[in-house]
Amino acid sequence: MASMAEITTICSQRSIILKHFQAAMYLPCIEAIALTIVDIPVAFVNSLVFSCILYFLTELEVSASQFL
């Protein structure tokens, strides 16, 4: 959601996006959707690594059945 708030800033700072929009090549919302889709795997890996580190730092049950 934080990246969605920056869409107007991104579009206004990139002149090539404005040129593509004026030439009717693609809409700026397509780039915003693409940025959101690209952020999904990064957010997933980030939360997975954080969860694993937090799990073992709190010294919870260290067995495969409890961890998964």
N, C-alpha and C. Protein backbone atom coordinates (compact mmCIF):
# COMPACT_ATOMS: atom_id res chain seq x y z
N MET A 1 0.82 -1.20 0.00
CA MET A 1 0.00 0.00 0.00
C MET A 1 0.87 1.26 0.00
N ALA A 2 2.04 1.16 0.59
CA ALA A 2 2.91 2.34 0.62
C ALA A 2 3.38 2.71 -0.78
N SER A 3 3.62 1.71 -1.62
CA SER A 3 4.06 2.01 -2.98
C SER A 3 2.93 2.61 -3.80
N MET A 4 1.70 2.28 -3.48
CA MET A 4 0.56 2.86 -4.20
C MET A 4 0.44 4.36 -3.93
N ALA A 5 0.87 4.80 -2.76
CA ALA A 5 0.81 6.22 -2.43
C ALA A 5 1.85 7.03 -3.20
N GLU A 6 2.87 6.36 -3.70
CA GLU A 6 3.95 7.05 -4.39
C GLU A 6 3.76 7.08 -5.90
N ILE A 7 2.63 6.61 -6.40
CA ILE A 7 2.41 6.52 -7.85
C ILE A 7 2.44 7.88 -8.51
N THR A 8 1.79 8.86 -7.92
CA THR A 8 1.76 10.19 -8.54
C THR A 8 3.15 10.81 -8.56
N THR A 9 3.94 10.57 -7.54
CA THR A 9 5.31 11.09 -7.50
C THR A 9 6.16 10.42 -8.57
N ILE A 10 6.02 9.12 -8.71
CA ILE A 10 6.79 8.38 -9.71
C ILE A 10 6.44 8.87 -11.11
N CYS A 11 5.16 9.02 -11.38
CA CYS A 11 4.72 9.42 -12.72
C CYS A 11 5.14 10.85 -13.04
N SER A 12 5.14 11.72 -12.08
CA SER A 12 5.50 13.10 -12.35
C SER A 12 7.01 13.28 -12.50
N GLN A 13 7.81 12.41 -11.90
CA GLN A 13 9.26 12.54 -11.96
C GLN A 13 9.87 11.87 -13.19
N ARG A 14 9.14 11.00 -13.81
CA ARG A 14 9.67 10.28 -14.97
C ARG A 14 9.06 10.85 -16.24
N SER A 15 9.86 11.54 -17.00
CA SER A 15 9.35 12.17 -18.22
C SER A 15 9.00 11.14 -19.29
N ILE A 16 9.66 9.99 -19.28
CA ILE A 16 9.37 8.97 -20.29
C ILE A 16 7.96 8.42 -20.11
N ILE A 17 7.50 8.32 -18.87
CA ILE A 17 6.13 7.85 -18.63
C ILE A 17 5.13 8.85 -19.20
N LEU A 18 5.40 10.11 -19.00
CA LEU A 18 4.53 11.15 -19.54
C LEU A 18 4.51 11.11 -21.07
N LYS A 19 5.66 10.89 -21.69
CA LYS A 19 5.72 10.80 -23.15
C LYS A 19 4.95 9.58 -23.66
N HIS A 20 5.07 8.45 -22.97
CA HIS A 20 4.33 7.26 -23.38
C HIS A 20 2.83 7.47 -23.22
N PHE A 21 2.44 8.13 -22.15
CA PHE A 21 1.02 8.40 -21.91
C PHE A 21 0.47 9.32 -22.99
N GLN A 22 1.23 10.35 -23.35
CA GLN A 22 0.77 11.28 -24.37
C GLN A 22 0.72 10.62 -25.75
N ALA A 23 1.57 9.65 -26.00
CA ALA A 23 1.57 8.94 -27.28
C ALA A 23 0.58 7.78 -27.26
N ALA A 24 -0.16 7.61 -26.18
CA ALA A 24 -1.17 6.56 -26.00
C ALA A 24 -0.55 5.16 -26.12
N MET A 25 0.67 5.01 -25.63
CA MET A 25 1.33 3.71 -25.67
C MET A 25 0.80 2.82 -24.54
N TYR A 26 0.79 3.33 -23.34
CA TYR A 26 0.19 2.63 -22.21
C TYR A 26 -0.15 3.64 -21.14
N LEU A 27 -1.00 3.22 -20.23
CA LEU A 27 -1.44 4.11 -19.15
C LEU A 27 -0.48 4.01 -17.97
N PRO A 28 -0.34 5.09 -17.21
CA PRO A 28 0.52 5.03 -16.01
C PRO A 28 0.02 4.03 -14.98
N CYS A 29 -1.27 3.73 -14.97
CA CYS A 29 -1.77 2.76 -14.00
C CYS A 29 -1.23 1.36 -14.28
N ILE A 30 -0.88 1.07 -15.54
CA ILE A 30 -0.30 -0.23 -15.87
C ILE A 30 1.07 -0.38 -15.20
N GLU A 31 1.84 0.68 -15.20
CA GLU A 31 3.14 0.63 -14.51
C GLU A 31 2.95 0.50 -13.00
N ALA A 32 1.93 1.15 -12.47
CA ALA A 32 1.67 1.04 -11.03
C ALA A 32 1.27 -0.38 -10.66
N ILE A 33 0.46 -1.01 -11.50
CA ILE A 33 0.06 -2.40 -11.25
C ILE A 33 1.27 -3.32 -11.37
N ALA A 34 2.14 -3.07 -12.34
CA ALA A 34 3.34 -3.88 -12.51
C ALA A 34 4.27 -3.75 -11.30
N LEU A 35 4.43 -2.53 -10.79
CA LEU A 35 5.26 -2.34 -9.60
C LEU A 35 4.69 -3.07 -8.39
N THR A 36 3.37 -3.09 -8.28
CA THR A 36 2.73 -3.79 -7.17
C THR A 36 2.95 -5.30 -7.29
N ILE A 37 2.81 -5.83 -8.51
CA ILE A 37 3.01 -7.27 -8.72
C ILE A 37 4.45 -7.67 -8.46
N VAL A 38 5.38 -6.82 -8.83
CA VAL A 38 6.80 -7.12 -8.60
C VAL A 38 7.12 -7.07 -7.11
N ASP A 39 6.44 -6.24 -6.35
CA ASP A 39 6.69 -6.13 -4.91
C ASP A 39 6.17 -7.32 -4.11
N ILE A 40 5.24 -8.10 -4.66
CA ILE A 40 4.65 -9.21 -3.91
C ILE A 40 5.69 -10.27 -3.54
N PRO A 41 6.51 -10.79 -4.46
CA PRO A 41 7.51 -11.79 -4.04
C PRO A 41 8.54 -11.24 -3.06
N VAL A 42 8.91 -9.99 -3.23
CA VAL A 42 9.88 -9.38 -2.31
C VAL A 42 9.28 -9.30 -0.91
N ALA A 43 8.03 -8.89 -0.80
CA ALA A 43 7.38 -8.81 0.50
C ALA A 43 7.22 -10.19 1.12
N PHE A 44 6.93 -11.20 0.30
CA PHE A 44 6.78 -12.57 0.80
C PHE A 44 8.10 -13.09 1.37
N VAL A 45 9.18 -12.92 0.63
CA VAL A 45 10.49 -13.38 1.10
C VAL A 45 10.90 -12.61 2.35
N ASN A 46 10.64 -11.33 2.37
CA ASN A 46 10.98 -10.51 3.52
C ASN A 46 10.25 -10.99 4.77
N SER A 47 8.95 -11.24 4.65
CA SER A 47 8.20 -11.69 5.81
C SER A 47 8.58 -13.11 6.21
N LEU A 48 8.93 -13.96 5.24
CA LEU A 48 9.35 -15.32 5.56
C LEU A 48 10.66 -15.32 6.35
N VAL A 49 11.62 -14.54 5.91
CA VAL A 49 12.90 -14.47 6.61
C VAL A 49 12.71 -13.89 8.01
N PHE A 50 11.93 -12.81 8.10
CA PHE A 50 11.69 -12.20 9.40
C PHE A 50 10.99 -13.17 10.35
N SER A 51 10.02 -13.91 9.85
CA SER A 51 9.28 -14.86 10.70
C SER A 51 10.19 -15.99 11.19
N CYS A 52 11.04 -16.48 10.32
CA CYS A 52 11.96 -17.55 10.73
C CYS A 52 12.94 -17.06 11.79
N ILE A 53 13.49 -15.90 11.59
CA ILE A 53 14.42 -15.35 12.58
C ILE A 53 13.72 -15.12 13.91
N LEU A 54 12.54 -14.55 13.86
CA LEU A 54 11.78 -14.28 15.08
C LEU A 54 11.39 -15.57 15.79
N TYR A 55 11.05 -16.60 15.04
CA TYR A 55 10.67 -17.89 15.63
C TYR A 55 11.81 -18.47 16.45
N PHE A 56 13.01 -18.45 15.89
CA PHE A 56 14.13 -19.06 16.60
C PHE A 56 14.69 -18.14 17.67
N LEU A 57 14.54 -16.83 17.56
CA LEU A 57 15.00 -15.93 18.61
C LEU A 57 14.13 -16.04 19.86
N THR A 58 12.87 -16.35 19.68
CA THR A 58 11.99 -16.47 20.84
C THR A 58 12.08 -17.85 21.49
N GLU A 59 12.94 -18.71 20.94
CA GLU A 59 13.20 -20.05 21.47
C GLU A 59 11.94 -20.87 21.62
N LEU A 60 11.13 -20.88 20.58
CA LEU A 60 9.96 -21.73 20.58
C LEU A 60 10.38 -23.17 20.29
N GLU A 61 9.44 -24.06 20.23
CA GLU A 61 9.72 -25.48 20.04
C GLU A 61 10.52 -25.68 18.73
N VAL A 62 11.69 -26.30 18.84
CA VAL A 62 12.56 -26.47 17.69
C VAL A 62 12.39 -27.89 17.14
N SER A 63 11.25 -28.14 16.57
CA SER A 63 11.00 -29.41 15.88
C SER A 63 10.25 -29.09 14.59
N ALA A 64 10.38 -29.97 13.64
CA ALA A 64 9.79 -29.70 12.33
C ALA A 64 8.27 -29.60 12.40
N SER A 65 7.65 -30.42 13.20
CA SER A 65 6.19 -30.39 13.28
C SER A 65 5.68 -29.10 13.92
N GLN A 66 6.38 -28.59 14.91
CA GLN A 66 5.97 -27.34 15.55
C GLN A 66 6.28 -26.12 14.69
N PHE A 67 7.41 -26.18 13.99
CA PHE A 67 7.82 -25.04 13.16
C PHE A 67 6.89 -24.85 11.97
N LEU A 68 6.54 -25.94 11.31
CA LEU A 68 5.69 -25.84 10.12
C LEU A 68 4.23 -25.79 10.52
